[in-house]
Amino acid sequence: MKDVLKFIIFIIYATTIFFLPNHIFILLCFVLNLFIIMLAGLSFKKAIMNTFKIFPFILFTFIINIFLDSLTNALWVGIKLIIVCNATFIYSQTTTVARTRKDN
């Protein structure tokens, strides 16, 4: 049950990031991700490496958004994608299928 609640909170958090205004709230989400990484005892290096693995897709989305919108909005979408990818890394490292199966 705990993992289901964690999953629902993760989905709400990841979705909400894209609806937030493009200023201080995004910085707060970034700081929240860093705090959760420290709290969960995860490796910062591993989190950064995971983000760089996905970076070509983020860059592709950024370039498409430049053509469809503006450079500023494309930059904000890219930053939001980085934050969501980081949150996904945190979720994937703190919840595994084996752990979920063991808890039940």
PDB file of N, CA and C in Angstrom:
ATOM      1  N   MET A   1       0.820  -1.189   0.000  1.00  0.00           N
ATOM      2  CA  MET A   1       0.000   0.000   0.000  1.00  0.00           C
ATOM      3  C   MET A   1       0.870   1.262   0.000  1.00  0.00           C
ATOM      4  N   LYS A   2       2.003   1.180   0.720  1.00  0.00           N
ATOM      5  CA  LYS A   2       2.914   2.308   0.800  1.00  0.00           C
ATOM      6  C   LYS A   2       3.464   2.655  -0.581  1.00  0.00           C
ATOM      7  N   ASP A   3       3.783   1.627  -1.370  1.00  0.00           N
ATOM      8  CA  ASP A   3       4.323   1.879  -2.707  1.00  0.00           C
ATOM      9  C   ASP A   3       3.271   2.440  -3.651  1.00  0.00           C
ATOM     10  N   VAL A   4       2.018   2.058  -3.473  1.00  0.00           N
ATOM     11  CA  VAL A   4       0.941   2.615  -4.297  1.00  0.00           C
ATOM     12  C   VAL A   4       0.788   4.097  -3.995  1.00  0.00           C
ATOM     13  N   LEU A   5       0.830   4.450  -2.732  1.00  0.00           N
ATOM     14  CA  LEU A   5       0.738   5.851  -2.337  1.00  0.00           C
ATOM     15  C   LEU A   5       1.928   6.641  -2.883  1.00  0.00           C
ATOM     16  N   LYS A   6       3.121   6.051  -2.807  1.00  0.00           N
ATOM     17  CA  LYS A   6       4.321   6.700  -3.339  1.00  0.00           C
ATOM     18  C   LYS A   6       4.187   6.913  -4.855  1.00  0.00           C
ATOM     19  N   PHE A   7       3.626   5.926  -5.554  1.00  0.00           N
ATOM     20  CA  PHE A   7       3.430   6.048  -6.997  1.00  0.00           C
ATOM     21  C   PHE A   7       2.447   7.169  -7.332  1.00  0.00           C
ATOM     22  N   ILE A   8       1.359   7.247  -6.603  1.00  0.00           N
ATOM     23  CA  ILE A   8       0.357   8.289  -6.853  1.00  0.00           C
ATOM     24  C   ILE A   8       0.957   9.677  -6.589  1.00  0.00           C
ATOM     25  N   ILE A   9       1.714   9.813  -5.516  1.00  0.00           N
ATOM     26  CA  ILE A   9       2.361  11.089  -5.217  1.00  0.00           C
ATOM     27  C   ILE A   9       3.365  11.446  -6.311  1.00  0.00           C
ATOM     28  N   PHE A  10       4.111  10.454  -6.789  1.00  0.00           N
ATOM     29  CA  PHE A  10       5.073  10.694  -7.874  1.00  0.00           C
ATOM     30  C   PHE A  10       4.369  11.173  -9.143  1.00  0.00           C
ATOM     31  N   ILE A  11       3.272  10.538  -9.524  1.00  0.00           N
ATOM     32  CA  ILE A  11       2.535  10.934 -10.733  1.00  0.00           C
ATOM     33  C   ILE A  11       1.995  12.363 -10.585  1.00  0.00           C
ATOM     34  N   ILE A  12       1.430  12.669  -9.433  1.00  0.00           N
ATOM     35  CA  ILE A  12       0.905  14.018  -9.203  1.00  0.00           C
ATOM     36  C   ILE A  12       2.043  15.047  -9.246  1.00  0.00           C
ATOM     37  N   TYR A  13       3.163  14.742  -8.614  1.00  0.00           N
ATOM     38  CA  TYR A  13       4.320  15.654  -8.601  1.00  0.00           C
ATOM     39  C   TYR A  13       4.860  15.881 -10.013  1.00  0.00           C
ATOM     40  N   ALA A  14       5.060  14.802 -10.761  1.00  0.00           N
ATOM     41  CA  ALA A  14       5.607  14.919 -12.113  1.00  0.00           C
ATOM     42  C   ALA A  14       4.667  15.688 -13.036  1.00  0.00           C
ATOM     43  N   THR A  15       3.376  15.484 -12.893  1.00  0.00           N
ATOM     44  CA  THR A  15       2.403  16.186 -13.724  1.00  0.00           C
ATOM     45  C   THR A  15       2.318  17.653 -13.335  1.00  0.00           C
ATOM     46  N   THR A  16       2.340  17.919 -12.054  1.00  0.00           N
ATOM     47  CA  THR A  16       2.214  19.294 -11.557  1.00  0.00           C
ATOM     48  C   THR A  16       3.369  20.172 -12.015  1.00  0.00           C
ATOM     49  N   ILE A  17       4.551  19.610 -12.159  1.00  0.00           N
ATOM     50  CA  ILE A  17       5.715  20.388 -12.568  1.00  0.00           C
ATOM     51  C   ILE A  17       5.452  21.099 -13.899  1.00  0.00           C
ATOM     52  N   PHE A  18       4.750  20.439 -14.810  1.00  0.00           N
ATOM     53  CA  PHE A  18       4.509  21.049 -16.120  1.00  0.00           C
ATOM     54  C   PHE A  18       3.429  22.126 -16.086  1.00  0.00           C
ATOM     55  N   PHE A  19       2.648  22.184 -15.019  1.00  0.00           N
ATOM     56  CA  PHE A  19       1.623  23.213 -14.900  1.00  0.00           C
ATOM     57  C   PHE A  19       2.060  24.395 -14.042  1.00  0.00           C
ATOM     58  N   LEU A  20       3.229  24.290 -13.419  1.00  0.00           N
ATOM     59  CA  LEU A  20       3.718  25.372 -12.566  1.00  0.00           C
ATOM     60  C   LEU A  20       4.201  26.549 -13.408  1.00  0.00           C
ATOM     61  N   PRO A  21       4.114  27.758 -12.851  1.00  0.00           N
ATOM     62  CA  PRO A  21       4.694  28.914 -13.552  1.00  0.00           C
ATOM     63  C   PRO A  21       6.202  28.721 -13.698  1.00  0.00           C
ATOM     64  N   ASN A  22       6.787  29.457 -14.587  1.00  0.00           N
ATOM     65  CA  ASN A  22       8.182  29.241 -14.957  1.00  0.00           C
ATOM     66  C   ASN A  22       9.204  29.972 -14.098  1.00  0.00           C
ATOM     67  N   HIS A  23       8.937  30.162 -12.832  1.00  0.00           N
ATOM     68  CA  HIS A  23       9.892  30.954 -12.059  1.00  0.00           C
ATOM     69  C   HIS A  23      10.324  30.227 -10.794  1.00  0.00           C
ATOM     70  N   ILE A  24      10.024  30.772  -9.667  1.00  0.00           N
ATOM     71  CA  ILE A  24      10.545  30.284  -8.396  1.00  0.00           C
ATOM     72  C   ILE A  24      10.052  28.876  -8.056  1.00  0.00           C
ATOM     73  N   PHE A  25       8.872  28.504  -8.526  1.00  0.00           N
ATOM     74  CA  PHE A  25       8.341  27.182  -8.211  1.00  0.00           C
ATOM     75  C   PHE A  25       9.183  26.067  -8.821  1.00  0.00           C
ATOM     76  N   ILE A  26       9.717  26.321  -9.994  1.00  0.00           N
ATOM     77  CA  ILE A  26      10.571  25.328 -10.639  1.00  0.00           C
ATOM     78  C   ILE A  26      11.868  25.173  -9.851  1.00  0.00           C
ATOM     79  N   LEU A  27      12.414  26.277  -9.364  1.00  0.00           N
ATOM     80  CA  LEU A  27      13.612  26.209  -8.527  1.00  0.00           C
ATOM     81  C   LEU A  27      13.316  25.426  -7.244  1.00  0.00           C
ATOM     82  N   LEU A  28      12.145  25.632  -6.676  1.00  0.00           N
ATOM     83  CA  LEU A  28      11.766  24.889  -5.471  1.00  0.00           C
ATOM     84  C   LEU A  28      11.664  23.395  -5.748  1.00  0.00           C
ATOM     85  N   CYS A  29      11.150  23.019  -6.911  1.00  0.00           N
ATOM     86  CA  CYS A  29      11.080  21.597  -7.283  1.00  0.00           C
ATOM     87  C   CYS A  29      12.475  21.007  -7.416  1.00  0.00           C
ATOM     88  N   PHE A  30      13.396  21.777  -7.998  1.00  0.00           N
ATOM     89  CA  PHE A  30      14.779  21.327  -8.128  1.00  0.00           C
ATOM     90  C   PHE A  30      15.408  21.105  -6.752  1.00  0.00           C
ATOM     91  N   VAL A  31      15.206  22.051  -5.856  1.00  0.00           N
ATOM     92  CA  VAL A  31      15.743  21.932  -4.494  1.00  0.00           C
ATOM     93  C   VAL A  31      15.087  20.754  -3.766  1.00  0.00           C
ATOM     94  N   LEU A  32      13.794  20.557  -3.979  1.00  0.00           N
ATOM     95  CA  LEU A  32      13.097  19.417  -3.376  1.00  0.00           C
ATOM     96  C   LEU A  32      13.693  18.101  -3.854  1.00  0.00           C
ATOM     97  N   ASN A  33      13.989  18.002  -5.147  1.00  0.00           N
ATOM     98  CA  ASN A  33      14.622  16.789  -5.673  1.00  0.00           C
ATOM     99  C   ASN A  33      15.980  16.546  -5.018  1.00  0.00           C
ATOM    100  N   LEU A  34      16.778  17.601  -4.878  1.00  0.00           N
ATOM    101  CA  LEU A  34      18.085  17.458  -4.222  1.00  0.00           C
ATOM    102  C   LEU A  34      17.931  17.010  -2.771  1.00  0.00           C
ATOM    103  N   PHE A  35      16.949  17.577  -2.087  1.00  0.00           N
ATOM    104  CA  PHE A  35      16.691  17.200  -0.698  1.00  0.00           C
ATOM    105  C   PHE A  35      16.270  15.731  -0.600  1.00  0.00           C
ATOM    106  N   ILE A  36      15.429  15.281  -1.506  1.00  0.00           N
ATOM    107  CA  ILE A  36      14.979  13.885  -1.491  1.00  0.00           C
ATOM    108  C   ILE A  36      16.141  12.946  -1.801  1.00  0.00           C
ATOM    109  N   ILE A  37      17.024  13.339  -2.703  1.00  0.00           N
ATOM    110  CA  ILE A  37      18.204  12.516  -2.994  1.00  0.00           C
ATOM    111  C   ILE A  37      19.051  12.354  -1.736  1.00  0.00           C
ATOM    112  N   MET A  38      19.269  13.450  -1.023  1.00  0.00           N
ATOM    113  CA  MET A  38      20.051  13.375   0.219  1.00  0.00           C
ATOM    114  C   MET A  38      19.326  12.538   1.259  1.00  0.00           C
ATOM    115  N   LEU A  39      18.024  12.744   1.412  1.00  0.00           N
ATOM    116  CA  LEU A  39      17.238  12.031   2.404  1.00  0.00           C
ATOM    117  C   LEU A  39      17.203  10.528   2.125  1.00  0.00           C
ATOM    118  N   ALA A  40      17.114  10.159   0.858  1.00  0.00           N
ATOM    119  CA  ALA A  40      17.047   8.746   0.486  1.00  0.00           C
ATOM    120  C   ALA A  40      18.428   8.089   0.445  1.00  0.00           C
ATOM    121  N   GLY A  41      19.476   8.889   0.553  1.00  0.00           N
ATOM    122  CA  GLY A  41      20.831   8.347   0.548  1.00  0.00           C
ATOM    123  C   GLY A  41      21.288   7.899  -0.828  1.00  0.00           C
ATOM    124  N   LEU A  42      20.778   8.527  -1.865  1.00  0.00           N
ATOM    125  CA  LEU A  42      21.161   8.179  -3.223  1.00  0.00           C
ATOM    126  C   LEU A  42      22.424   8.927  -3.625  1.00  0.00           C
ATOM    127  N   SER A  43      23.093   8.425  -4.650  1.00  0.00           N
ATOM    128  CA  SER A  43      24.331   9.021  -5.138  1.00  0.00           C
ATOM    129  C   SER A  43      24.019  10.178  -6.090  1.00  0.00           C
ATOM    130  N   PHE A  44      24.606  11.354  -5.811  1.00  0.00           N
ATOM    131  CA  PHE A  44      24.444  12.498  -6.706  1.00  0.00           C
ATOM    132  C   PHE A  44      25.061  12.191  -8.068  1.00  0.00           C
ATOM    133  N   LYS A  45      26.195  11.506  -8.053  1.00  0.00           N
ATOM    134  CA  LYS A  45      26.876  11.166  -9.299  1.00  0.00           C
ATOM    135  C   LYS A  45      25.994  10.278 -10.165  1.00  0.00           C
ATOM    136  N   LYS A  46      25.356   9.296  -9.558  1.00  0.00           N
ATOM    137  CA  LYS A  46      24.476   8.398 -10.299  1.00  0.00           C
ATOM    138  C   LYS A  46      23.263   9.156 -10.845  1.00  0.00           C
ATOM    139  N   ALA A  47      22.745  10.096 -10.081  1.00  0.00           N
ATOM    140  CA  ALA A  47      21.605  10.900 -10.537  1.00  0.00           C
ATOM    141  C   ALA A  47      21.992  11.763 -11.733  1.00  0.00           C
ATOM    142  N   ILE A  48      23.175  12.359 -11.686  1.00  0.00           N
ATOM    143  CA  ILE A  48      23.638  13.190 -12.797  1.00  0.00           C
ATOM    144  C   ILE A  48      23.911  12.337 -14.028  1.00  0.00           C
ATOM    145  N   MET A  49      24.532  11.192 -13.848  1.00  0.00           N
ATOM    146  CA  MET A  49      24.810  10.302 -14.976  1.00  0.00           C
ATOM    147  C   MET A  49      23.516   9.813 -15.623  1.00  0.00           C
ATOM    148  N   ASN A  50      22.514   9.540 -14.808  1.00  0.00           N
ATOM    149  CA  ASN A  50      21.221   9.112 -15.347  1.00  0.00           C
ATOM    150  C   ASN A  50      20.591  10.222 -16.189  1.00  0.00           C
ATOM    151  N   THR A  51      20.717  11.454 -15.735  1.00  0.00           N
ATOM    152  CA  THR A  51      20.179  12.590 -16.481  1.00  0.00           C
ATOM    153  C   THR A  51      20.920  12.761 -17.806  1.00  0.00           C
ATOM    154  N   PHE A  52      22.227  12.580 -17.817  1.00  0.00           N
ATOM    155  CA  PHE A  52      22.985  12.711 -19.059  1.00  0.00           C
ATOM    156  C   PHE A  52      22.650  11.609 -20.056  1.00  0.00           C
ATOM    157  N   LYS A  53      22.244  10.440 -19.571  1.00  0.00           N
ATOM    158  CA  LYS A  53      21.821   9.373 -20.482  1.00  0.00           C
ATOM    159  C   LYS A  53      20.564   9.766 -21.244  1.00  0.00           C
ATOM    160  N   ILE A  54      19.689  10.518 -20.606  1.00  0.00           N
ATOM    161  CA  ILE A  54      18.422  10.912 -21.209  1.00  0.00           C
ATOM    162  C   ILE A  54      18.542  12.262 -21.907  1.00  0.00           C
ATOM    163  N   PHE A  55      19.670  12.935 -21.744  1.00  0.00           N
ATOM    164  CA  PHE A  55      19.843  14.283 -22.257  1.00  0.00           C
ATOM    165  C   PHE A  55      19.603  14.427 -23.768  1.00  0.00           C
ATOM    166  N   PRO A  56      19.981  13.462 -24.617  1.00  0.00           N
ATOM    167  CA  PRO A  56      19.681  13.620 -26.054  1.00  0.00           C
ATOM    168  C   PRO A  56      18.180  13.776 -26.333  1.00  0.00           C
ATOM    169  N   PHE A  57      17.348  13.079 -25.594  1.00  0.00           N
ATOM    170  CA  PHE A  57      15.898  13.196 -25.778  1.00  0.00           C
ATOM    171  C   PHE A  57      15.391  14.551 -25.287  1.00  0.00           C
ATOM    172  N   ILE A  58      15.961  15.023 -24.195  1.00  0.00           N
ATOM    173  CA  ILE A  58      15.594  16.343 -23.683  1.00  0.00           C
ATOM    174  C   ILE A  58      16.032  17.417 -24.677  1.00  0.00           C
ATOM    175  N   LEU A  59      17.213  17.271 -25.222  1.00  0.00           N
ATOM    176  CA  LEU A  59      17.712  18.219 -26.215  1.00  0.00           C
ATOM    177  C   LEU A  59      16.843  18.212 -27.475  1.00  0.00           C
ATOM    178  N   PHE A  60      16.437  17.036 -27.918  1.00  0.00           N
ATOM    179  CA  PHE A  60      15.546  16.923 -29.072  1.00  0.00           C
ATOM    180  C   PHE A  60      14.225  17.647 -28.817  1.00  0.00           C
ATOM    181  N   THR A  61      13.648  17.436 -27.639  1.00  0.00           N
ATOM    182  CA  THR A  61      12.401  18.119 -27.277  1.00  0.00           C
ATOM    183  C   THR A  61      12.616  19.623 -27.215  1.00  0.00           C
ATOM    184  N   PHE A  62      13.747  20.046 -26.674  1.00  0.00           N
ATOM    185  CA  PHE A  62      14.087  21.466 -26.602  1.00  0.00           C
ATOM    186  C   PHE A  62      14.132  22.088 -28.003  1.00  0.00           C
ATOM    187  N   ILE A  63      14.793  21.420 -28.935  1.00  0.00           N
ATOM    188  CA  ILE A  63      14.916  21.941 -30.299  1.00  0.00           C
ATOM    189  C   ILE A  63      13.557  22.014 -30.989  1.00  0.00           C
ATOM    190  N   ILE A  64      12.745  20.988 -30.824  1.00  0.00           N
ATOM    191  CA  ILE A  64      11.396  21.001 -31.407  1.00  0.00           C
ATOM    192  C   ILE A  64      10.591  22.166 -30.833  1.00  0.00           C
ATOM    193  N   ASN A  65      10.708  22.406 -29.533  1.00  0.00           N
ATOM    194  CA  ASN A  65       9.970  23.498 -28.900  1.00  0.00           C
ATOM    195  C   ASN A  65      10.460  24.877 -29.342  1.00  0.00           C
ATOM    196  N   ILE A  66      11.727  24.979 -29.708  1.00  0.00           N
ATOM    197  CA  ILE A  66      12.218  26.258 -30.245  1.00  0.00           C
ATOM    198  C   ILE A  66      11.459  26.599 -31.524  1.00  0.00           C
ATOM    199  N   PHE A  67      11.279  25.606 -32.386  1.00  0.00           N
ATOM    200  CA  PHE A  67      10.579  25.842 -33.647  1.00  0.00           C
ATOM    201  C   PHE A  67       9.085  26.054 -33.448  1.00  0.00           C
ATOM    202  N   LEU A  68       8.501  25.378 -32.470  1.00  0.00           N
ATOM    203  CA  LEU A  68       7.055  25.477 -32.264  1.00  0.00           C
ATOM    204  C   LEU A  68       6.645  26.662 -31.397  1.00  0.00           C
ATOM    205  N   ASP A  69       7.549  27.115 -30.542  1.00  0.00           N
ATOM    206  CA  ASP A  69       7.208  28.211 -29.631  1.00  0.00           C
ATOM    207  C   ASP A  69       8.336  29.230 -29.649  1.00  0.00           C
ATOM    208  N   SER A  70       8.925  29.491 -28.519  1.00  0.00           N
ATOM    209  CA  SER A  70      10.021  30.451 -28.442  1.00  0.00           C
ATOM    210  C   SER A  70      11.191  29.828 -27.690  1.00  0.00           C
ATOM    211  N   LEU A  71      12.322  30.481 -27.776  1.00  0.00           N
ATOM    212  CA  LEU A  71      13.514  29.980 -27.089  1.00  0.00           C
ATOM    213  C   LEU A  71      13.303  29.942 -25.582  1.00  0.00           C
ATOM    214  N   THR A  72      12.675  30.963 -25.035  1.00  0.00           N
ATOM    215  CA  THR A  72      12.443  31.027 -23.591  1.00  0.00           C
ATOM    216  C   THR A  72      11.549  29.884 -23.118  1.00  0.00           C
ATOM    217  N   ASN A  73      10.442  29.683 -23.794  1.00  0.00           N
ATOM    218  CA  ASN A  73       9.539  28.599 -23.390  1.00  0.00           C
ATOM    219  C   ASN A  73      10.169  27.230 -23.614  1.00  0.00           C
ATOM    220  N   ALA A  74      10.964  27.098 -24.670  1.00  0.00           N
ATOM    221  CA  ALA A  74      11.650  25.832 -24.918  1.00  0.00           C
ATOM    222  C   ALA A  74      12.650  25.542 -23.799  1.00  0.00           C
ATOM    223  N   LEU A  75      13.316  26.581 -23.329  1.00  0.00           N
ATOM    224  CA  LEU A  75      14.258  26.420 -22.217  1.00  0.00           C
ATOM    225  C   LEU A  75      13.537  25.968 -20.951  1.00  0.00           C
ATOM    226  N   TRP A  76      12.392  26.581 -20.666  1.00  0.00           N
ATOM    227  CA  TRP A  76      11.622  26.187 -19.478  1.00  0.00           C
ATOM    228  C   TRP A  76      11.136  24.750 -19.583  1.00  0.00           C
ATOM    229  N   VAL A  77      10.691  24.342 -20.758  1.00  0.00           N
ATOM    230  CA  VAL A  77      10.244  22.954 -20.938  1.00  0.00           C
ATOM    231  C   VAL A  77      11.420  22.003 -20.732  1.00  0.00           C
ATOM    232  N   GLY A  78      12.596  22.364 -21.237  1.00  0.00           N
ATOM    233  CA  GLY A  78      13.786  21.534 -21.041  1.00  0.00           C
ATOM    234  C   GLY A  78      14.151  21.401 -19.570  1.00  0.00           C
ATOM    235  N   ILE A  79      14.072  22.504 -18.830  1.00  0.00           N
ATOM    236  CA  ILE A  79      14.367  22.470 -17.393  1.00  0.00           C
ATOM    237  C   ILE A  79      13.349  21.597 -16.664  1.00  0.00           C
ATOM    238  N   LYS A  80      12.090  21.735 -17.026  1.00  0.00           N
ATOM    239  CA  LYS A  80      11.046  20.918 -16.399  1.00  0.00           C
ATOM    240  C   LYS A  80      11.255  19.432 -16.704  1.00  0.00           C
ATOM    241  N   LEU A  81      11.673  19.125 -17.924  1.00  0.00           N
ATOM    242  CA  LEU A  81      11.951  17.730 -18.273  1.00  0.00           C
ATOM    243  C   LEU A  81      13.109  17.168 -17.460  1.00  0.00           C
ATOM    244  N   ILE A  82      14.133  17.975 -17.241  1.00  0.00           N
ATOM    245  CA  ILE A  82      15.267  17.528 -16.428  1.00  0.00           C
ATOM    246  C   ILE A  82      14.807  17.233 -15.003  1.00  0.00           C
ATOM    247  N   ILE A  83      13.973  18.097 -14.445  1.00  0.00           N
ATOM    248  CA  ILE A  83      13.474  17.895 -13.083  1.00  0.00           C
ATOM    249  C   ILE A  83      12.618  16.632 -13.010  1.00  0.00           C
ATOM    250  N   VAL A  84      11.753  16.427 -14.001  1.00  0.00           N
ATOM    251  CA  VAL A  84      10.896  15.232 -13.995  1.00  0.00           C
ATOM    252  C   VAL A  84      11.733  13.970 -14.193  1.00  0.00           C
ATOM    253  N   CYS A  85      12.741  14.022 -15.053  1.00  0.00           N
ATOM    254  CA  CYS A  85      13.613  12.855 -15.235  1.00  0.00           C
ATOM    255  C   CYS A  85      14.369  12.539 -13.948  1.00  0.00           C
ATOM    256  N   ASN A  86      14.782  13.583 -13.239  1.00  0.00           N
ATOM    257  CA  ASN A  86      15.450  13.385 -11.961  1.00  0.00           C
ATOM    258  C   ASN A  86      14.491  12.779 -10.933  1.00  0.00           C
ATOM    259  N   ALA A  87      13.256  13.254 -10.919  1.00  0.00           N
ATOM    260  CA  ALA A  87      12.255  12.688 -10.001  1.00  0.00           C
ATOM    261  C   ALA A  87      11.974  11.234 -10.351  1.00  0.00           C
ATOM    262  N   THR A  88      11.970  10.920 -11.638  1.00  0.00           N
ATOM    263  CA  THR A  88      11.763   9.535 -12.069  1.00  0.00           C
ATOM    264  C   THR A  88      12.919   8.654 -11.603  1.00  0.00           C
ATOM    265  N   PHE A  89      14.143   9.173 -11.681  1.00  0.00           N
ATOM    266  CA  PHE A  89      15.301   8.439 -11.172  1.00  0.00           C
ATOM    267  C   PHE A  89      15.155   8.163  -9.681  1.00  0.00           C
ATOM    268  N   ILE A  90      14.755   9.177  -8.937  1.00  0.00           N
ATOM    269  CA  ILE A  90      14.572   9.009  -7.494  1.00  0.00           C
ATOM    270  C   ILE A  90      13.525   7.940  -7.212  1.00  0.00           C
ATOM    271  N   TYR A  91      12.411   8.014  -7.918  1.00  0.00           N
ATOM    272  CA  TYR A  91      11.345   7.033  -7.720  1.00  0.00           C
ATOM    273  C   TYR A  91      11.829   5.624  -8.084  1.00  0.00           C
ATOM    274  N   SER A  92      12.549   5.503  -9.194  1.00  0.00           N
ATOM    275  CA  SER A  92      12.999   4.178  -9.621  1.00  0.00           C
ATOM    276  C   SER A  92      14.030   3.583  -8.672  1.00  0.00           C
ATOM    277  N   GLN A  93      14.813   4.427  -8.015  1.00  0.00           N
ATOM    278  CA  GLN A  93      15.821   3.928  -7.086  1.00  0.00           C
ATOM    279  C   GLN A  93      15.247   3.594  -5.707  1.00  0.00           C
ATOM    280  N   THR A  94      14.130   4.187  -5.374  1.00  0.00           N
ATOM    281  CA  THR A  94      13.556   3.948  -4.049  1.00  0.00           C
ATOM    282  C   THR A  94      12.411   2.938  -4.068  1.00  0.00           C
ATOM    283  N   THR A  95      11.949   2.562  -5.249  1.00  0.00           N
ATOM    284  CA  THR A  95      10.872   1.581  -5.364  1.00  0.00           C
ATOM    285  C   THR A  95      11.252   0.568  -6.423  1.00  0.00           C
ATOM    286  N   THR A  96      11.302  -0.692  -6.036  1.00  0.00           N
ATOM    287  CA  THR A  96      11.606  -1.751  -6.993  1.00  0.00           C
ATOM    288  C   THR A  96      10.506  -2.801  -6.944  1.00  0.00           C
ATOM    289  N   VAL A  97      10.445  -3.595  -7.974  1.00  0.00           N
ATOM    290  CA  VAL A  97       9.437  -4.648  -8.034  1.00  0.00           C
ATOM    291  C   VAL A  97       9.676  -5.666  -6.919  1.00  0.00           C
ATOM    292  N   ALA A  98      10.930  -5.989  -6.682  1.00  0.00           N
ATOM    293  CA  ALA A  98      11.236  -6.968  -5.633  1.00  0.00           C
ATOM    294  C   ALA A  98      10.817  -6.447  -4.259  1.00  0.00           C
ATOM    295  N   ARG A  99      11.050  -5.168  -3.997  1.00  0.00           N
ATOM    296  CA  ARG A  99      10.675  -4.592  -2.717  1.00  0.00           C
ATOM    297  C   ARG A  99       9.154  -4.566  -2.573  1.00  0.00           C
ATOM    298  N   THR A 100       8.460  -4.210  -3.643  1.00  0.00           N
ATOM    299  CA  THR A 100       7.000  -4.173  -3.610  1.00  0.00           C
ATOM    300  C   THR A 100       6.451  -5.566  -3.376  1.00  0.00           C
ATOM    301  N   ARG A 101       7.006  -6.547  -4.029  1.00  0.00           N
ATOM    302  CA  ARG A 101       6.548  -7.926  -3.881  1.00  0.00           C
ATOM    303  C   ARG A 101       6.825  -8.439  -2.460  1.00  0.00           C
ATOM    304  N   LYS A 102       7.968  -8.092  -1.898  1.00  0.00           N
ATOM    305  CA  LYS A 102       8.342  -8.537  -0.569  1.00  0.00           C
ATOM    306  C   LYS A 102       7.427  -7.941   0.498  1.00  0.00           C
ATOM    307  N   ASP A 103       7.023  -6.674   0.310  1.00  0.00           N
ATOM    308  CA  ASP A 103       6.165  -6.007   1.294  1.00  0.00           C
ATOM    309  C   ASP A 103       4.777  -6.599   1.345  1.00  0.00           C
ATOM    310  N   ASN A 104       4.310  -7.194   0.251  1.00  0.00           N
ATOM    311  CA  ASN A 104       2.952  -7.747   0.230  1.00  0.00           C
ATOM    312  C   ASN A 104       2.939  -9.087   0.794  1.00  0.00           C
TER     313      ASN A 104
END
